Amino acid sequence: MNRSRRRPIRLSALRCIAYEVALNGWRILRRTVNDFSLWRLIEYPWATKALDVRRGDLVVDIGSGTSSFPHMLAKEGLDVVVLELDADRVRWQKAKRAATARPGDGRFFPIVASATAMPFRSNSVARIAAVSTLEHIPDDEAVGREIGRVLAPDGIAVITIPYTSGERTGFFEGIRRFKRVARNAFVQEGKSGSFFRFYNDEDIQRVYVQPAGLQISPLRGFGRSILNWRYHETKLTRFWRTFILKDLLLAWIVHPLEERFDRTDPLYVMFTLRKPRSSAPK
């Protein structure tokens, strides 16, 4: 067997930037597109490692929108199914694939479908990725049930979602007009499709762990007092999508220091869900 084929796939933050340039051009270093910014330089490397995949493996990516992450996975030789409800975004994914596909890429299948009713057989999907997407889906309990249903025994789902240890009463206060519509849930006034939810520990267990008896890894966080409260949720957020190389330095230097020394709530948490082998059909 070719050793390179079975080597675990990894994406460093620098490699993510190189792929983003290859997919969207050098201009993204000055002003990015597709929300490729600091959080993605933390999430994409972690999610790729947590998936524990090799060339030729298949990943179902939930709610990518116009994200480049599924294209990065395909460039690494993975087969990727992009599950997206918005038909225009699926067309965007198909056009981007047609324009950037190269020999050696994995296969790429963007489909119009809802994460609340996935078009897959039960116990059939070995790897699922949901990077900063599930918080935008109002019926998250249906998504949690579907992840548990379609995930294969010993399969892994990697998830990143916004977090609060208790209750969030505001979001981007004084910067953008978000209206609180439910406990820990907000919508941006005048912007359709802007639903945004925070999860606490009880919510994570209730929505994603308990329905199918999945095993959850320890939570890993990012975006604490410096990167979030003194940067992202301040007027400095106007620089969020500019000069991406600054974000590389923040991801390399500030993020590890925050995670080591800062005990405030993170803005996001990352975790894996694994279906026990005992869930295999008899």
C-alpha atoms as a PDB file:
ATOM      1  CA  MET A   1       0.000   0.000   0.000  1.00  0.00           C
ATOM      2  CA  ASN A   2       1.250   3.485  -0.821  1.00  0.00           C
ATOM      3  CA  ARG A   3       2.338   5.006   2.491  1.00  0.00           C
ATOM      4  CA  SER A   4       1.491   8.551   1.397  1.00  0.00           C
ATOM      5  CA  ARG A   5      -2.093   7.442   0.740  1.00  0.00           C
ATOM      6  CA  ARG A   6      -2.527   6.243   4.324  1.00  0.00           C
ATOM      7  CA  ARG A   7      -0.748   9.125   6.026  1.00  0.00           C
ATOM      8  CA  PRO A   8      -3.132  11.175   8.211  1.00  0.00           C
ATOM      9  CA  ILE A   9      -4.085  14.437   6.517  1.00  0.00           C
ATOM     10  CA  ARG A  10      -3.188  17.692   8.254  1.00  0.00           C
ATOM     11  CA  LEU A  11      -3.821  21.331   7.322  1.00  0.00           C
ATOM     12  CA  SER A  12      -1.632  23.947   8.958  1.00  0.00           C
ATOM     13  CA  ALA A  13      -2.822  27.561   9.173  1.00  0.00           C
ATOM     14  CA  LEU A  14      -0.179  28.547   6.624  1.00  0.00           C
ATOM     15  CA  ARG A  15      -1.297  25.786   4.260  1.00  0.00           C
ATOM     16  CA  CYS A  16      -4.899  26.997   4.607  1.00  0.00           C
ATOM     17  CA  ILE A  17      -3.799  30.463   3.492  1.00  0.00           C
ATOM     18  CA  ALA A  18      -1.893  28.980   0.543  1.00  0.00           C
ATOM     19  CA  TYR A  19      -5.018  27.074  -0.520  1.00  0.00           C
ATOM     20  CA  GLU A  20      -7.183  30.167  -0.089  1.00  0.00           C
ATOM     21  CA  VAL A  21      -4.827  32.116  -2.368  1.00  0.00           C
ATOM     22  CA  ALA A  22      -4.904  29.294  -4.938  1.00  0.00           C
ATOM     23  CA  LEU A  23      -8.709  29.213  -4.827  1.00  0.00           C
ATOM     24  CA  ASN A  24      -9.488  32.936  -4.687  1.00  0.00           C
ATOM     25  CA  GLY A  25      -6.349  34.810  -5.748  1.00  0.00           C
ATOM     26  CA  TRP A  26      -3.720  36.965  -4.053  1.00  0.00           C
ATOM     27  CA  ARG A  27      -6.265  39.690  -3.326  1.00  0.00           C
ATOM     28  CA  ILE A  28      -7.515  37.727  -0.329  1.00  0.00           C
ATOM     29  CA  LEU A  29      -4.326  38.638   1.555  1.00  0.00           C
ATOM     30  CA  ARG A  30      -5.521  42.244   1.546  1.00  0.00           C
ATOM     31  CA  ARG A  31      -9.262  41.679   1.913  1.00  0.00           C
ATOM     32  CA  THR A  32     -10.621  38.178   2.233  1.00  0.00           C
ATOM     33  CA  VAL A  33     -13.800  36.594   0.936  1.00  0.00           C
ATOM     34  CA  ASN A  34     -15.996  33.771   2.280  1.00  0.00           C
ATOM     35  CA  ASP A  35     -15.367  34.864   5.893  1.00  0.00           C
ATOM     36  CA  PHE A  36     -11.850  33.409   5.767  1.00  0.00           C
ATOM     37  CA  SER A  37     -10.336  35.056   8.836  1.00  0.00           C
ATOM     38  CA  LEU A  38      -8.772  34.394  12.222  1.00  0.00           C
ATOM     39  CA  TRP A  39     -11.312  31.847  13.462  1.00  0.00           C
ATOM     40  CA  ARG A  40     -10.862  29.737  10.316  1.00  0.00           C
ATOM     41  CA  LEU A  41      -7.084  29.618  10.821  1.00  0.00           C
ATOM     42  CA  ILE A  42      -7.817  27.991  14.173  1.00  0.00           C
ATOM     43  CA  GLU A  43     -10.781  25.826  13.166  1.00  0.00           C
ATOM     44  CA  TYR A  44      -9.616  24.363   9.846  1.00  0.00           C
ATOM     45  CA  PRO A  45      -6.349  22.854  11.160  1.00  0.00           C
ATOM     46  CA  TRP A  46      -8.068  21.486  14.265  1.00  0.00           C
ATOM     47  CA  ALA A  47     -11.048  20.060  12.338  1.00  0.00           C
ATOM     48  CA  THR A  48      -8.842  18.354   9.750  1.00  0.00           C
ATOM     49  CA  LYS A  49      -6.724  16.693  12.427  1.00  0.00           C
ATOM     50  CA  ALA A  50      -9.788  15.692  14.451  1.00  0.00           C
ATOM     51  CA  LEU A  51     -11.407  14.039  11.411  1.00  0.00           C
ATOM     52  CA  ASP A  52      -8.534  11.514  11.396  1.00  0.00           C
ATOM     53  CA  VAL A  53      -8.747  10.961   7.637  1.00  0.00           C
ATOM     54  CA  ARG A  54      -6.499   9.668   4.837  1.00  0.00           C
ATOM     55  CA  ARG A  55      -6.521  10.179   1.078  1.00  0.00           C
ATOM     56  CA  GLY A  56      -9.565   8.507  -0.440  1.00  0.00           C
ATOM     57  CA  ASP A  57     -11.731   8.832   2.675  1.00  0.00           C
ATOM     58  CA  LEU A  58     -15.104  10.563   2.383  1.00  0.00           C
ATOM     59  CA  VAL A  59     -16.255  13.548   4.466  1.00  0.00           C
ATOM     60  CA  VAL A  60     -19.749  15.040   4.594  1.00  0.00           C
ATOM     61  CA  ASP A  61     -19.391  18.789   5.134  1.00  0.00           C
ATOM     62  CA  ILE A  62     -22.517  20.440   6.562  1.00  0.00           C
ATOM     63  CA  GLY A  63     -23.562  23.961   5.638  1.00  0.00           C
ATOM     64  CA  SER A  64     -20.371  25.189   4.001  1.00  0.00           C
ATOM     65  CA  GLY A  65     -22.092  28.009   2.137  1.00  0.00           C
ATOM     66  CA  THR A  66     -19.298  29.570   0.086  1.00  0.00           C
ATOM     67  CA  SER A  67     -16.522  28.349   2.372  1.00  0.00           C
ATOM     68  CA  SER A  68     -13.282  27.066   0.847  1.00  0.00           C
ATOM     69  CA  PHE A  69     -12.826  24.391   3.518  1.00  0.00           C
ATOM     70  CA  PRO A  70     -14.390  21.513   1.520  1.00  0.00           C
ATOM     71  CA  HIS A  71     -12.189  22.472  -1.449  1.00  0.00           C
ATOM     72  CA  MET A  72      -9.116  22.331   0.791  1.00  0.00           C
ATOM     73  CA  LEU A  73     -10.093  18.824   1.887  1.00  0.00           C
ATOM     74  CA  ALA A  74     -10.588  17.770  -1.741  1.00  0.00           C
ATOM     75  CA  LYS A  75      -7.166  19.200  -2.640  1.00  0.00           C
ATOM     76  CA  GLU A  76      -5.731  16.884   0.000  1.00  0.00           C
ATOM     77  CA  GLY A  77      -7.258  13.894  -1.793  1.00  0.00           C
ATOM     78  CA  LEU A  78     -10.470  13.448   0.212  1.00  0.00           C
ATOM     79  CA  ASP A  79     -13.853  12.834  -1.367  1.00  0.00           C
ATOM     80  CA  VAL A  80     -16.214  15.536  -0.094  1.00  0.00           C
ATOM     81  CA  VAL A  81     -20.009  15.804  -0.077  1.00  0.00           C
ATOM     82  CA  VAL A  82     -21.047  19.410   0.507  1.00  0.00           C
ATOM     83  CA  LEU A  83     -24.485  19.512   2.133  1.00  0.00           C
ATOM     84  CA  GLU A  84     -26.005  22.987   1.658  1.00  0.00           C
ATOM     85  CA  LEU A  85     -29.638  24.147   1.705  1.00  0.00           C
ATOM     86  CA  ASP A  86     -29.129  27.268  -0.439  1.00  0.00           C
ATOM     87  CA  ALA A  87     -29.179  26.366  -4.164  1.00  0.00           C
ATOM     88  CA  ASP A  88     -27.226  29.499  -5.138  1.00  0.00           C
ATOM     89  CA  ARG A  89     -24.421  28.522  -2.798  1.00  0.00           C
ATOM     90  CA  VAL A  90     -24.380  25.000  -4.209  1.00  0.00           C
ATOM     91  CA  ARG A  91     -24.027  26.498  -7.685  1.00  0.00           C
ATOM     92  CA  TRP A  92     -21.158  28.624  -6.354  1.00  0.00           C
ATOM     93  CA  GLN A  93     -19.445  25.518  -4.981  1.00  0.00           C
ATOM     94  CA  LYS A  94     -19.849  23.713  -8.304  1.00  0.00           C
ATOM     95  CA  ALA A  95     -18.467  26.675 -10.269  1.00  0.00           C
ATOM     96  CA  LYS A  96     -15.503  27.043  -7.903  1.00  0.00           C
ATOM     97  CA  ARG A  97     -14.771  23.330  -8.230  1.00  0.00           C
ATOM     98  CA  ALA A  98     -14.929  23.486 -12.038  1.00  0.00           C
ATOM     99  CA  ALA A  99     -12.535  26.438 -12.079  1.00  0.00           C
ATOM    100  CA  THR A 100      -9.962  25.073  -9.612  1.00  0.00           C
ATOM    101  CA  ALA A 101     -10.002  21.255  -9.921  1.00  0.00           C
ATOM    102  CA  ARG A 102      -6.604  19.665 -10.517  1.00  0.00           C
ATOM    103  CA  PRO A 103      -5.389  16.092 -11.146  1.00  0.00           C
ATOM    104  CA  GLY A 104      -5.032  14.246  -7.855  1.00  0.00           C
ATOM    105  CA  ASP A 105      -7.904  16.048  -6.149  1.00  0.00           C
ATOM    106  CA  GLY A 106     -10.541  13.996  -4.414  1.00  0.00           C
ATOM    107  CA  ARG A 107     -14.067  13.860  -5.763  1.00  0.00           C
ATOM    108  CA  PHE A 108     -16.434  16.726  -4.949  1.00  0.00           C
ATOM    109  CA  PHE A 109     -20.221  16.502  -4.657  1.00  0.00           C
ATOM    110  CA  PRO A 110     -22.150  19.685  -3.716  1.00  0.00           C
ATOM    111  CA  ILE A 111     -25.837  18.869  -3.159  1.00  0.00           C
ATOM    112  CA  VAL A 112     -28.919  20.850  -2.158  1.00  0.00           C
ATOM    113  CA  ALA A 113     -30.168  19.236   1.047  1.00  0.00           C
ATOM    114  CA  SER A 114     -31.034  20.083   4.636  1.00  0.00           C
ATOM    115  CA  ALA A 115     -29.000  19.020   7.644  1.00  0.00           C
ATOM    116  CA  THR A 116     -32.340  18.456   9.393  1.00  0.00           C
ATOM    117  CA  ALA A 117     -33.156  15.596   6.959  1.00  0.00           C
ATOM    118  CA  MET A 118     -29.927  14.284   5.463  1.00  0.00           C
ATOM    119  CA  PRO A 119     -30.228  12.153   2.318  1.00  0.00           C
ATOM    120  CA  PHE A 120     -28.092   9.318   3.706  1.00  0.00           C
ATOM    121  CA  ARG A 121     -28.852   5.868   5.086  1.00  0.00           C
ATOM    122  CA  SER A 122     -28.625   5.356   8.829  1.00  0.00           C
ATOM    123  CA  ASN A 123     -25.174   4.320  10.096  1.00  0.00           C
ATOM    124  CA  SER A 124     -23.557   5.079   6.723  1.00  0.00           C
ATOM    125  CA  VAL A 125     -21.331   8.178   7.116  1.00  0.00           C
ATOM    126  CA  ALA A 126     -17.906   7.726   8.692  1.00  0.00           C
ATOM    127  CA  ARG A 127     -16.857  11.387   8.859  1.00  0.00           C
ATOM    128  CA  ILE A 128     -18.895  14.587   9.268  1.00  0.00           C
ATOM    129  CA  ALA A 129     -17.609  18.168   9.509  1.00  0.00           C
ATOM    130  CA  ALA A 130     -19.646  21.145  10.712  1.00  0.00           C
ATOM    131  CA  VAL A 131     -17.385  24.187  11.105  1.00  0.00           C
ATOM    132  CA  SER A 132     -19.202  27.282  12.398  1.00  0.00           C
ATOM    133  CA  THR A 133     -22.459  26.289  10.709  1.00  0.00           C
ATOM    134  CA  LEU A 134     -24.857  24.599  13.129  1.00  0.00           C
ATOM    135  CA  GLU A 135     -25.449  27.784  15.144  1.00  0.00           C
ATOM    136  CA  HIS A 136     -27.256  29.238  12.116  1.00  0.00           C
ATOM    137  CA  ILE A 137     -29.859  26.443  11.897  1.00  0.00           C
ATOM    138  CA  PRO A 138     -33.005  27.174  13.973  1.00  0.00           C
ATOM    139  CA  ASP A 139     -34.052  23.500  14.265  1.00  0.00           C
ATOM    140  CA  ASP A 140     -30.752  22.327  15.706  1.00  0.00           C
ATOM    141  CA  GLU A 141     -32.408  19.463  17.589  1.00  0.00           C
ATOM    142  CA  ALA A 142     -33.343  17.881  14.249  1.00  0.00           C
ATOM    143  CA  VAL A 143     -29.731  18.302  13.128  1.00  0.00           C
ATOM    144  CA  GLY A 144     -28.499  16.610  16.290  1.00  0.00           C
ATOM    145  CA  ARG A 145     -30.795  13.640  15.695  1.00  0.00           C
ATOM    146  CA  GLU A 146     -29.683  13.394  12.060  1.00  0.00           C
ATOM    147  CA  ILE A 147     -25.991  13.437  12.937  1.00  0.00           C
ATOM    148  CA  GLY A 148     -26.617  10.602  15.382  1.00  0.00           C
ATOM    149  CA  ARG A 149     -28.679   8.683  12.831  1.00  0.00           C
ATOM    150  CA  VAL A 150     -26.366   8.838   9.807  1.00  0.00           C
ATOM    151  CA  LEU A 151     -23.059   8.543  11.659  1.00  0.00           C
ATOM    152  CA  ALA A 152     -21.548   5.077  11.227  1.00  0.00           C
ATOM    153  CA  PRO A 153     -20.449   3.038  14.258  1.00  0.00           C
ATOM    154  CA  ASP A 154     -17.005   4.339  15.280  1.00  0.00           C
ATOM    155  CA  GLY A 155     -17.649   7.325  12.972  1.00  0.00           C
ATOM    156  CA  ILE A 156     -16.585  10.847  13.928  1.00  0.00           C
ATOM    157  CA  ALA A 157     -18.332  14.206  13.642  1.00  0.00           C
ATOM    158  CA  VAL A 158     -16.219  17.328  14.214  1.00  0.00           C
ATOM    159  CA  ILE A 159     -18.148  20.393  15.332  1.00  0.00           C
ATOM    160  CA  THR A 160     -17.367  24.006  16.185  1.00  0.00           C
ATOM    161  CA  ILE A 161     -20.113  26.173  17.695  1.00  0.00           C
ATOM    162  CA  PRO A 162     -20.453  29.410  19.735  1.00  0.00           C
ATOM    163  CA  TYR A 163     -20.332  28.914  23.492  1.00  0.00           C
ATOM    164  CA  THR A 164     -21.455  30.458  26.769  1.00  0.00           C
ATOM    165  CA  SER A 165     -21.172  28.958  30.229  1.00  0.00           C
ATOM    166  CA  GLY A 166     -24.508  30.492  31.203  1.00  0.00           C
ATOM    167  CA  GLU A 167     -26.636  32.944  29.272  1.00  0.00           C
ATOM    168  CA  ARG A 168     -25.761  35.518  26.593  1.00  0.00           C
ATOM    169  CA  THR A 169     -27.906  38.647  26.681  1.00  0.00           C
ATOM    170  CA  GLY A 170     -26.056  40.559  23.940  1.00  0.00           C
ATOM    171  CA  PHE A 171     -23.945  40.089  20.833  1.00  0.00           C
ATOM    172  CA  PHE A 172     -21.896  42.744  19.000  1.00  0.00           C
ATOM    173  CA  GLU A 173     -23.516  45.357  21.264  1.00  0.00           C
ATOM    174  CA  GLY A 174     -22.953  48.903  20.013  1.00  0.00           C
ATOM    175  CA  ILE A 175     -21.482  47.660  16.718  1.00  0.00           C
ATOM    176  CA  ARG A 176     -24.214  45.724  14.938  1.00  0.00           C
ATOM    177  CA  ARG A 177     -27.901  45.561  15.776  1.00  0.00           C
ATOM    178  CA  PHE A 178     -28.604  42.027  16.911  1.00  0.00           C
ATOM    179  CA  LYS A 179     -32.008  41.327  18.440  1.00  0.00           C
ATOM    180  CA  ARG A 180     -32.407  38.621  21.060  1.00  0.00           C
ATOM    181  CA  VAL A 181     -35.135  36.234  19.874  1.00  0.00           C
ATOM    182  CA  ALA A 182     -34.737  33.391  22.384  1.00  0.00           C
ATOM    183  CA  ARG A 183     -32.426  32.308  25.160  1.00  0.00           C
ATOM    184  CA  ASN A 184     -28.877  32.621  23.753  1.00  0.00           C
ATOM    185  CA  ALA A 185     -30.241  33.210  20.237  1.00  0.00           C
ATOM    186  CA  PHE A 186     -30.046  36.371  18.114  1.00  0.00           C
ATOM    187  CA  VAL A 187     -30.838  37.726  14.656  1.00  0.00           C
ATOM    188  CA  GLN A 188     -29.253  40.754  13.009  1.00  0.00           C
ATOM    189  CA  GLU A 189     -31.875  43.408  12.334  1.00  0.00           C
ATOM    190  CA  GLY A 190     -32.509  43.963   8.631  1.00  0.00           C
ATOM    191  CA  LYS A 191     -30.497  40.927   7.551  1.00  0.00           C
ATOM    192  CA  SER A 192     -32.332  37.764   6.583  1.00  0.00           C
ATOM    193  CA  GLY A 193     -30.773  34.419   7.402  1.00  0.00           C
ATOM    194  CA  SER A 194     -28.704  35.903  10.249  1.00  0.00           C
ATOM    195  CA  PHE A 195     -29.867  33.541  13.029  1.00  0.00           C
ATOM    196  CA  PHE A 196     -27.051  32.937  15.521  1.00  0.00           C
ATOM    197  CA  ARG A 197     -27.165  30.740  18.625  1.00  0.00           C
ATOM    198  CA  PHE A 198     -24.828  30.213  21.587  1.00  0.00           C
ATOM    199  CA  TYR A 199     -24.627  26.845  23.369  1.00  0.00           C
ATOM    200  CA  ASN A 200     -23.898  26.032  26.988  1.00  0.00           C
ATOM    201  CA  ASP A 201     -22.770  22.639  28.283  1.00  0.00           C
ATOM    202  CA  GLU A 202     -26.329  21.464  28.920  1.00  0.00           C
ATOM    203  CA  ASP A 203     -27.385  22.427  25.373  1.00  0.00           C
ATOM    204  CA  ILE A 204     -24.494  20.523  23.806  1.00  0.00           C
ATOM    205  CA  GLN A 205     -25.409  17.391  25.743  1.00  0.00           C
ATOM    206  CA  ARG A 206     -29.141  17.700  25.009  1.00  0.00           C
ATOM    207  CA  VAL A 207     -28.884  18.534  21.301  1.00  0.00           C
ATOM    208  CA  TYR A 208     -25.830  16.625  20.069  1.00  0.00           C
ATOM    209  CA  VAL A 209     -24.778  13.962  22.567  1.00  0.00           C
ATOM    210  CA  GLN A 210     -27.851  12.387  24.146  1.00  0.00           C
ATOM    211  CA  PRO A 211     -30.154  11.700  21.146  1.00  0.00           C
ATOM    212  CA  ALA A 212     -27.917   8.911  19.826  1.00  0.00           C
ATOM    213  CA  GLY A 213     -25.761   8.267  22.893  1.00  0.00           C
ATOM    214  CA  LEU A 214     -22.646   9.671  21.221  1.00  0.00           C
ATOM    215  CA  GLN A 215     -19.301  10.018  22.962  1.00  0.00           C
ATOM    216  CA  ILE A 216     -18.017  13.597  23.196  1.00  0.00           C
ATOM    217  CA  SER A 217     -14.399  14.716  23.468  1.00  0.00           C
ATOM    218  CA  PRO A 218     -13.277  17.430  25.892  1.00  0.00           C
ATOM    219  CA  LEU A 219     -14.224  20.901  24.637  1.00  0.00           C
ATOM    220  CA  ARG A 220     -11.471  23.069  23.185  1.00  0.00           C
ATOM    221  CA  GLY A 221     -12.071  26.800  23.033  1.00  0.00           C
ATOM    222  CA  PHE A 222     -10.915  29.896  21.206  1.00  0.00           C
ATOM    223  CA  GLY A 223     -11.698  33.602  21.177  1.00  0.00           C
ATOM    224  CA  ARG A 224     -11.436  34.703  24.791  1.00  0.00           C
ATOM    225  CA  SER A 225     -10.736  38.081  26.432  1.00  0.00           C
ATOM    226  CA  ILE A 226      -8.159  39.355  23.932  1.00  0.00           C
ATOM    227  CA  LEU A 227      -9.170  37.865  20.584  1.00  0.00           C
ATOM    228  CA  ASN A 228     -12.899  38.268  21.161  1.00  0.00           C
ATOM    229  CA  TRP A 229     -13.763  40.865  23.826  1.00  0.00           C
ATOM    230  CA  ARG A 230     -10.888  43.202  22.925  1.00  0.00           C
ATOM    231  CA  TYR A 231     -10.900  42.554  19.171  1.00  0.00           C
ATOM    232  CA  HIS A 232     -13.724  40.689  17.463  1.00  0.00           C
ATOM    233  CA  GLU A 233     -16.703  42.113  19.387  1.00  0.00           C
ATOM    234  CA  THR A 234     -15.331  45.660  19.324  1.00  0.00           C
ATOM    235  CA  LYS A 235     -15.007  48.363  16.685  1.00  0.00           C
ATOM    236  CA  LEU A 236     -11.702  46.729  15.712  1.00  0.00           C
ATOM    237  CA  THR A 237     -13.861  44.119  13.975  1.00  0.00           C
ATOM    238  CA  ARG A 238     -13.728  46.410  10.904  1.00  0.00           C
ATOM    239  CA  PHE A 239     -10.278  44.908  10.359  1.00  0.00           C
ATOM    240  CA  TRP A 240     -11.646  41.355  10.643  1.00  0.00           C
ATOM    241  CA  ARG A 241     -11.514  40.551   6.929  1.00  0.00           C
ATOM    242  CA  THR A 242      -8.405  42.601   6.090  1.00  0.00           C
ATOM    243  CA  PHE A 243      -4.684  41.763   6.037  1.00  0.00           C
ATOM    244  CA  ILE A 244      -4.964  38.042   6.649  1.00  0.00           C
ATOM    245  CA  LEU A 245      -1.299  37.622   7.542  1.00  0.00           C
ATOM    246  CA  LYS A 246      -2.002  39.490  10.800  1.00  0.00           C
ATOM    247  CA  ASP A 247      -4.487  36.714  11.621  1.00  0.00           C
ATOM    248  CA  LEU A 248      -1.791  34.119  11.052  1.00  0.00           C
ATOM    249  CA  LEU A 249       0.311  35.770  13.768  1.00  0.00           C
ATOM    250  CA  LEU A 250      -2.696  35.976  16.099  1.00  0.00           C
ATOM    251  CA  ALA A 251      -3.425  32.275  15.537  1.00  0.00           C
ATOM    252  CA  TRP A 252       0.194  31.283  16.064  1.00  0.00           C
ATOM    253  CA  ILE A 253       1.015  33.501  19.058  1.00  0.00           C
ATOM    254  CA  VAL A 254      -1.984  35.006  20.871  1.00  0.00           C
ATOM    255  CA  HIS A 255      -4.405  32.066  20.584  1.00  0.00           C
ATOM    256  CA  PRO A 256      -2.106  29.486  22.286  1.00  0.00           C
ATOM    257  CA  LEU A 257      -1.306  31.957  25.093  1.00  0.00           C
ATOM    258  CA  GLU A 258      -5.000  32.708  25.623  1.00  0.00           C
ATOM    259  CA  GLU A 259      -5.873  29.046  25.825  1.00  0.00           C
ATOM    260  CA  ARG A 260      -3.120  28.412  28.336  1.00  0.00           C
ATOM    261  CA  PHE A 261      -3.645  31.346  30.685  1.00  0.00           C
ATOM    262  CA  ASP A 262      -7.158  32.780  30.121  1.00  0.00           C
ATOM    263  CA  ARG A 263     -10.083  31.140  31.916  1.00  0.00           C
ATOM    264  CA  THR A 264     -12.844  33.399  30.589  1.00  0.00           C
ATOM    265  CA  ASP A 265     -15.554  31.952  28.348  1.00  0.00           C
ATOM    266  CA  PRO A 266     -14.394  31.225  24.800  1.00  0.00           C
ATOM    267  CA  LEU A 267     -16.509  32.544  21.943  1.00  0.00           C
ATOM    268  CA  TYR A 268     -16.404  29.118  20.249  1.00  0.00           C
ATOM    269  CA  VAL A 269     -15.759  25.551  21.296  1.00  0.00           C
ATOM    270  CA  MET A 270     -14.524  22.649  19.195  1.00  0.00           C
ATOM    271  CA  PHE A 271     -15.297  18.996  19.933  1.00  0.00           C
ATOM    272  CA  THR A 272     -15.772  15.599  18.337  1.00  0.00           C
ATOM    273  CA  LEU A 273     -18.686  13.194  18.557  1.00  0.00           C
ATOM    274  CA  ARG A 274     -18.071   9.473  18.092  1.00  0.00           C
ATOM    275  CA  LYS A 275     -20.701   6.771  17.700  1.00  0.00           C
ATOM    276  CA  PRO A 276     -19.840   3.697  19.802  1.00  0.00           C
ATOM    277  CA  ARG A 277     -19.249   0.443  17.948  1.00  0.00           C
ATOM    278  CA  SER A 278     -22.065  -1.061  19.991  1.00  0.00           C
ATOM    279  CA  SER A 279     -24.428   1.085  17.888  1.00  0.00           C
ATOM    280  CA  ALA A 280     -23.810  -1.130  14.877  1.00  0.00           C
ATOM    281  CA  PRO A 281     -27.011  -2.732  13.505  1.00  0.00           C
ATOM    282  CA  LYS A 282     -27.447  -6.337  14.564  1.00  0.00           C
END
